[in-house]
Amino acid sequence: MNRRRAGFAGARIGCALAVAFALAGCSGTVRETEPGEVSVNGDFGTPVTLSISGTVEPLDHIVAETLIEGEGYAIVENGPVLMRATSFDSRTGEVISDYDTGSVRMTTANEAGVGDLAGYIMDTKEGTRLLIRRGGLAGEDGVEIVVVDLLPTVATGEVVPVPDPAPAGMPAVETLDNGAPHVASGNGRVTALATVPLVAGGGEQVGMDDTVVMQYVVTDTEANVIDTTWNGAGPVTVRLSDVMQGLKAGLSDQKVGSRVAVLVPSAMASGEGDRIAVVDLLAIAAYGDDGETEE
């Protein structure tokens, strides 16, 4: 499956040909890039590259710029933050390879979790892309340029109506003020494995051996909560090959950004009774053997 989406062009485009050729008949306004101008290439949440015009002047402080204004939940101090931060060397435009960068990370919004980025992330809304420049890490004559995407910690797609008739055992699921799902009432025995989309995401498809960042609540058929991440723990990173057979099969091929209810009969839930799992698929942290591993 295709795990990369085409990036968008960060640079503004004027005429189709470079200004230097000054071709007759080329109309419109052409804007020259300024020395040290930085453009980010890549959709929000995906791996990115940089285009740099000329030389970025050295810095002895941090400069932050908001490239995309998010509309999700605000990130609070000491709360969970799901992010992809990629660091580049201003002198080459290449990713700095001396330390882990570019991967999806689940961490905490404080200095212990994100270092000196904490002050720029706090109170920022999920869905925001930041461009941060700071000196030091790229050498005395270079600048570290960090692209920070603050990913949603709640499913973000379109709400999907439950099919009618619903699969056997499909409970009533409500949405609380904080975006969390709430299994309001059970609906009897689960007779067969079923996956019911509640929110349709538009991200990458999840593979059976992928490692996925998710939020979930698991109940029995009477809506009694057995396990949940919505009690303040926040999203977790889970390798699907390690979960119960029914959940692994039910989440496979679902898309990032989705919320799904997986109805698992007892035989596919380690024989512990029928289970209802409502899962928000937030990101793929690492791919399985059939795909690439995140940078």
Protein backbone atom coordinates (compact mmCIF):
# COMPACT_ATOMS: atom_id res chain seq x y z
CA MET A 1 0.00 0.00 0.00
CA ASN A 2 1.12 3.55 -0.56
CA ARG A 3 2.37 4.96 2.75
CA ARG A 4 3.37 8.34 1.44
CA ARG A 5 1.11 11.06 0.14
CA ALA A 6 2.27 13.62 -2.33
CA GLY A 7 3.62 16.76 -0.59
CA PHE A 8 2.50 20.26 -1.36
CA ALA A 9 4.80 22.89 -2.84
CA GLY A 10 5.96 25.27 -0.13
CA ALA A 11 7.39 27.90 -2.46
CA ARG A 12 5.09 30.43 -4.11
CA ILE A 13 4.91 29.94 -7.88
CA GLY A 14 4.83 32.75 -10.45
CA CYS A 15 5.40 32.12 -14.16
CA ALA A 16 6.12 28.58 -15.25
CA LEU A 17 9.69 29.44 -16.24
CA ALA A 18 12.43 31.11 -14.21
CA VAL A 19 12.64 34.89 -14.25
CA ALA A 20 16.18 34.79 -15.58
CA PHE A 21 14.93 33.72 -19.00
CA ALA A 22 12.42 36.61 -19.16
CA LEU A 23 10.40 34.90 -21.87
CA ALA A 24 8.02 37.06 -23.83
CA GLY A 25 4.35 36.31 -23.21
CA CYS A 26 4.83 35.20 -19.64
CA SER A 27 2.26 37.15 -17.70
CA GLY A 28 1.60 37.61 -13.99
CA THR A 29 3.76 38.66 -11.07
CA VAL A 30 6.94 36.77 -10.31
CA ARG A 31 8.25 36.95 -6.76
CA GLU A 32 11.94 36.33 -6.05
CA THR A 33 12.76 34.41 -2.88
CA GLU A 34 14.66 36.27 -0.20
CA PRO A 35 18.05 34.99 1.01
CA GLY A 36 17.55 32.68 3.98
CA GLU A 37 13.89 32.00 3.14
CA VAL A 38 12.71 28.53 4.18
CA SER A 39 9.87 26.56 2.59
CA VAL A 40 8.47 23.29 3.94
CA ASN A 41 7.52 20.57 1.48
CA GLY A 42 5.10 17.89 2.70
CA ASP A 43 1.53 17.51 3.91
CA PHE A 44 0.77 18.05 7.58
CA GLY A 45 1.69 14.99 9.61
CA THR A 46 3.78 13.37 6.86
CA PRO A 47 7.57 13.30 6.39
CA VAL A 48 8.81 16.69 5.15
CA THR A 49 11.75 18.25 3.33
CA LEU A 50 13.02 21.84 3.19
CA SER A 51 13.81 24.25 0.40
CA ILE A 52 16.22 26.99 1.51
CA SER A 53 17.06 30.09 -0.48
CA GLY A 54 20.60 31.31 0.12
CA THR A 55 22.16 31.43 3.57
CA VAL A 56 20.28 31.36 6.86
CA GLU A 57 21.95 33.80 9.24
CA PRO A 58 23.29 32.32 12.51
CA LEU A 59 21.12 32.73 15.62
CA ASP A 60 21.80 32.87 19.35
CA HIS A 61 18.10 32.60 20.24
CA ILE A 62 14.93 30.79 19.12
CA VAL A 63 12.56 32.12 16.47
CA ALA A 64 9.16 30.44 16.04
CA GLU A 65 6.66 30.85 13.22
CA THR A 66 3.21 29.30 12.80
CA LEU A 67 2.78 27.87 9.29
CA ILE A 68 -0.55 26.12 9.86
CA GLU A 69 -3.02 27.24 12.53
CA GLY A 70 -4.63 24.19 14.12
CA GLU A 71 -8.26 23.95 15.18
CA GLY A 72 -8.07 20.97 17.54
CA TYR A 73 -7.81 20.67 21.31
CA ALA A 74 -5.31 22.92 23.06
CA ILE A 75 -2.14 21.29 24.38
CA VAL A 76 -1.86 21.78 28.12
CA GLU A 77 1.19 21.71 30.37
CA ASN A 78 2.08 18.15 31.45
CA GLY A 79 -0.61 16.80 29.14
CA PRO A 80 -0.05 14.37 26.27
CA VAL A 81 1.32 15.64 22.99
CA LEU A 82 1.54 13.64 19.78
CA MET A 83 4.00 15.19 17.39
CA ARG A 84 6.33 14.74 14.45
CA ALA A 85 9.39 17.00 14.80
CA THR A 86 12.01 16.98 12.05
CA SER A 87 15.31 18.85 12.43
CA PHE A 88 17.33 20.18 9.49
CA ASP A 89 20.78 21.73 9.11
CA SER A 90 20.38 25.20 7.59
CA ARG A 91 23.72 24.88 5.75
CA THR A 92 22.69 21.84 3.73
CA GLY A 93 18.93 21.57 4.04
CA GLU A 94 19.46 17.96 5.10
CA VAL A 95 17.98 16.17 8.11
CA ILE A 96 20.31 16.24 11.12
CA SER A 97 21.16 12.58 11.63
CA ASP A 98 23.07 12.80 14.93
CA TYR A 99 19.90 12.16 16.94
CA ASP A 100 16.43 10.71 16.40
CA THR A 101 14.31 13.04 14.32
CA GLY A 102 11.38 12.83 11.94
CA SER A 103 9.53 10.08 13.79
CA VAL A 104 6.07 10.28 15.30
CA ARG A 105 6.51 10.72 19.07
CA MET A 106 4.07 10.37 21.94
CA THR A 107 5.39 12.46 24.81
CA THR A 108 4.49 14.99 27.51
CA ALA A 109 4.10 18.74 27.07
CA ASN A 110 6.85 19.92 29.40
CA GLU A 111 10.60 20.47 29.30
CA ALA A 112 11.31 16.86 30.22
CA GLY A 113 9.26 15.69 27.24
CA VAL A 114 10.03 18.24 24.51
CA GLY A 115 12.93 20.33 25.85
CA ASP A 116 13.04 24.00 24.94
CA LEU A 117 10.15 23.54 22.50
CA ALA A 118 7.79 23.34 25.48
CA GLY A 119 7.13 27.06 25.66
CA TYR A 120 6.10 27.15 22.01
CA ILE A 121 3.88 24.08 22.16
CA MET A 122 1.94 24.85 25.34
CA ASP A 123 -1.55 26.28 24.68
CA THR A 124 -1.08 25.63 20.94
CA LYS A 125 -3.90 23.71 19.27
CA GLU A 126 -3.55 20.27 17.76
CA GLY A 127 -3.35 20.50 13.97
CA THR A 128 -0.72 23.28 14.13
CA ARG A 129 2.54 23.26 12.18
CA LEU A 130 5.41 25.29 13.65
CA LEU A 131 8.69 26.32 12.00
CA ILE A 132 11.32 26.87 14.66
CA ARG A 133 14.88 28.14 14.15
CA ARG A 134 17.52 27.79 16.85
CA GLY A 135 21.30 27.97 16.97
CA GLY A 136 23.86 25.65 18.47
CA LEU A 137 22.92 22.13 17.49
CA ALA A 138 23.90 22.55 13.84
CA GLY A 139 27.28 24.11 14.61
CA GLU A 140 28.46 27.65 15.26
CA ASP A 141 27.82 28.81 11.71
CA GLY A 142 24.57 26.93 11.20
CA VAL A 143 21.00 27.00 12.40
CA GLU A 144 18.83 24.06 13.37
CA ILE A 145 15.47 24.37 11.61
CA VAL A 146 12.72 22.27 13.19
CA VAL A 147 9.37 21.52 11.57
CA VAL A 148 6.90 20.55 14.31
CA ASP A 149 3.51 19.04 13.47
CA LEU A 150 1.22 18.75 16.49
CA LEU A 151 -0.97 15.78 15.65
CA PRO A 152 -4.52 15.22 16.90
CA THR A 153 -5.05 12.97 19.92
CA VAL A 154 -8.72 12.44 18.99
CA ALA A 155 -10.18 11.01 15.77
CA THR A 156 -10.63 13.83 13.28
CA GLY A 157 -12.57 12.50 10.27
CA GLU A 158 -16.24 12.71 9.34
CA VAL A 159 -18.87 11.17 11.62
CA VAL A 160 -20.37 8.05 10.04
CA PRO A 161 -23.88 6.78 10.92
CA VAL A 162 -24.10 3.28 12.38
CA PRO A 163 -25.47 0.86 9.76
CA ASP A 164 -29.09 -0.23 10.01
CA PRO A 165 -29.39 -3.00 10.94
CA ALA A 166 -26.30 -2.85 13.14
CA PRO A 167 -24.15 -5.95 13.74
CA ALA A 168 -25.16 -8.13 16.69
CA GLY A 169 -23.89 -6.64 19.95
CA MET A 170 -23.32 -3.11 18.62
CA PRO A 171 -23.72 -0.81 21.68
CA ALA A 172 -24.83 2.81 21.90
CA VAL A 173 -21.72 5.02 21.66
CA GLU A 174 -21.82 8.71 22.59
CA THR A 175 -19.17 11.45 22.38
CA LEU A 176 -18.24 13.40 25.50
CA ASP A 177 -17.22 17.06 25.65
CA ASN A 178 -13.52 16.19 25.52
CA GLY A 179 -14.05 14.16 22.35
CA ALA A 180 -13.82 10.81 24.13
CA PRO A 181 -16.16 7.98 23.16
CA HIS A 182 -18.54 6.69 25.83
CA VAL A 183 -20.19 3.29 25.54
CA ALA A 184 -23.56 4.29 26.95
CA SER A 185 -25.29 0.93 26.94
CA GLY A 186 -24.62 -2.63 25.85
CA ASN A 187 -26.63 -4.51 23.27
CA GLY A 188 -26.23 -8.17 23.99
CA ARG A 189 -24.02 -10.93 22.68
CA VAL A 190 -21.46 -10.47 19.89
CA THR A 191 -22.01 -13.34 17.45
CA ALA A 192 -19.30 -12.47 14.90
CA LEU A 193 -16.30 -10.17 14.55
CA ALA A 194 -17.38 -6.81 13.13
CA THR A 195 -15.78 -3.40 12.64
CA VAL A 196 -18.18 -0.46 12.66
CA PRO A 197 -16.78 2.93 11.52
CA LEU A 198 -17.93 5.82 13.72
CA VAL A 199 -15.56 8.49 12.37
CA ALA A 200 -14.01 8.06 8.92
CA GLY A 201 -10.39 9.23 8.80
CA GLY A 202 -8.47 9.98 5.63
CA GLY A 203 -4.95 8.90 6.62
CA GLU A 204 -2.78 5.89 5.91
CA GLN A 205 -4.12 2.37 6.17
CA VAL A 206 -3.05 0.40 9.20
CA GLY A 207 -1.26 -2.93 8.63
CA MET A 208 -1.60 -5.96 10.92
CA ASP A 209 2.03 -5.67 12.07
CA ASP A 210 2.23 -1.88 12.35
CA THR A 211 2.90 -0.01 15.57
CA VAL A 212 0.04 2.44 16.05
CA VAL A 213 -0.62 5.38 18.34
CA MET A 214 -4.20 5.09 19.58
CA GLN A 215 -6.79 5.94 22.20
CA TYR A 216 -9.31 3.30 23.20
CA VAL A 217 -11.98 2.13 25.58
CA VAL A 218 -12.74 -1.57 26.01
CA THR A 219 -15.99 -2.76 27.62
CA ASP A 220 -17.99 -5.92 28.07
CA THR A 221 -21.41 -6.38 26.48
CA GLU A 222 -23.06 -4.54 29.40
CA ALA A 223 -20.96 -1.39 28.86
CA ASN A 224 -18.75 -1.99 31.91
CA VAL A 225 -15.33 -0.45 31.24
CA ILE A 226 -12.49 -2.98 31.34
CA ASP A 227 -9.67 -0.76 30.09
CA THR A 228 -9.35 2.78 28.75
CA THR A 229 -6.81 5.46 27.85
CA TRP A 230 -9.40 8.21 28.38
CA ASN A 231 -8.91 8.26 32.17
CA GLY A 232 -6.06 10.76 31.93
CA ALA A 233 -3.37 8.40 30.68
CA GLY A 234 -3.61 9.68 27.11
CA PRO A 235 -2.74 7.93 23.84
CA VAL A 236 -0.55 4.84 23.85
CA THR A 237 1.70 3.22 21.28
CA VAL A 238 0.67 -0.36 20.50
CA ARG A 239 2.11 -3.01 18.17
CA LEU A 240 -0.94 -4.65 16.64
CA SER A 241 0.72 -8.05 16.56
CA ASP A 242 0.59 -7.98 20.38
CA VAL A 243 -3.17 -7.36 20.80
CA MET A 244 -6.02 -9.87 20.95
CA GLN A 245 -6.74 -11.68 17.69
CA GLY A 246 -10.10 -10.02 17.08
CA LEU A 247 -8.81 -6.48 17.65
CA LYS A 248 -5.83 -7.08 15.38
CA ALA A 249 -8.07 -8.28 12.55
CA GLY A 250 -10.68 -5.58 13.19
CA LEU A 251 -8.21 -2.69 13.00
CA SER A 252 -6.26 -3.95 9.99
CA ASP A 253 -6.78 -1.78 6.87
CA GLN A 254 -8.60 0.94 8.83
CA LYS A 255 -7.35 4.48 8.19
CA VAL A 256 -5.48 6.84 10.50
CA GLY A 257 -7.84 9.52 11.81
CA SER A 258 -10.70 7.05 12.19
CA ARG A 259 -12.73 5.99 15.20
CA VAL A 260 -14.05 2.44 14.94
CA ALA A 261 -16.01 0.12 17.19
CA VAL A 262 -14.63 -3.42 17.00
CA LEU A 263 -17.05 -6.10 18.20
CA VAL A 264 -15.01 -9.09 19.30
CA PRO A 265 -16.60 -12.47 20.13
CA SER A 266 -15.18 -14.30 23.11
CA ALA A 267 -13.30 -16.85 20.98
CA MET A 268 -11.28 -14.00 19.43
CA ALA A 269 -10.85 -12.17 22.75
CA SER A 270 -8.72 -14.79 24.50
CA GLY A 271 -11.87 -16.52 25.74
CA GLU A 272 -12.55 -13.83 28.35
CA GLY A 273 -16.03 -12.98 27.11
CA ASP A 274 -17.28 -10.79 24.28
CA ARG A 275 -15.56 -7.42 24.07
CA ILE A 276 -16.38 -4.02 22.57
CA ALA A 277 -13.36 -1.84 21.70
CA VAL A 278 -13.85 1.74 20.53
CA VAL A 279 -10.51 2.84 19.07
CA ASP A 280 -9.19 6.15 17.73
CA LEU A 281 -6.35 5.49 15.26
CA LEU A 282 -4.08 8.52 15.57
CA ALA A 283 -0.80 7.73 13.80
CA ILE A 284 1.47 4.97 12.58
CA ALA A 285 4.62 5.14 14.68
CA ALA A 286 6.44 2.36 12.81
CA TYR A 287 5.52 0.07 9.97
CA GLY A 288 5.52 -3.72 9.96
CA ASP A 289 7.57 -6.05 7.83
CA ASP A 290 5.47 -5.31 4.73
CA GLY A 291 6.37 -1.63 4.69
CA GLU A 292 8.96 0.95 5.57
CA THR A 293 10.01 2.01 9.02
CA GLU A 294 9.64 5.64 9.93
CA GLU A 295 12.74 7.77 9.55
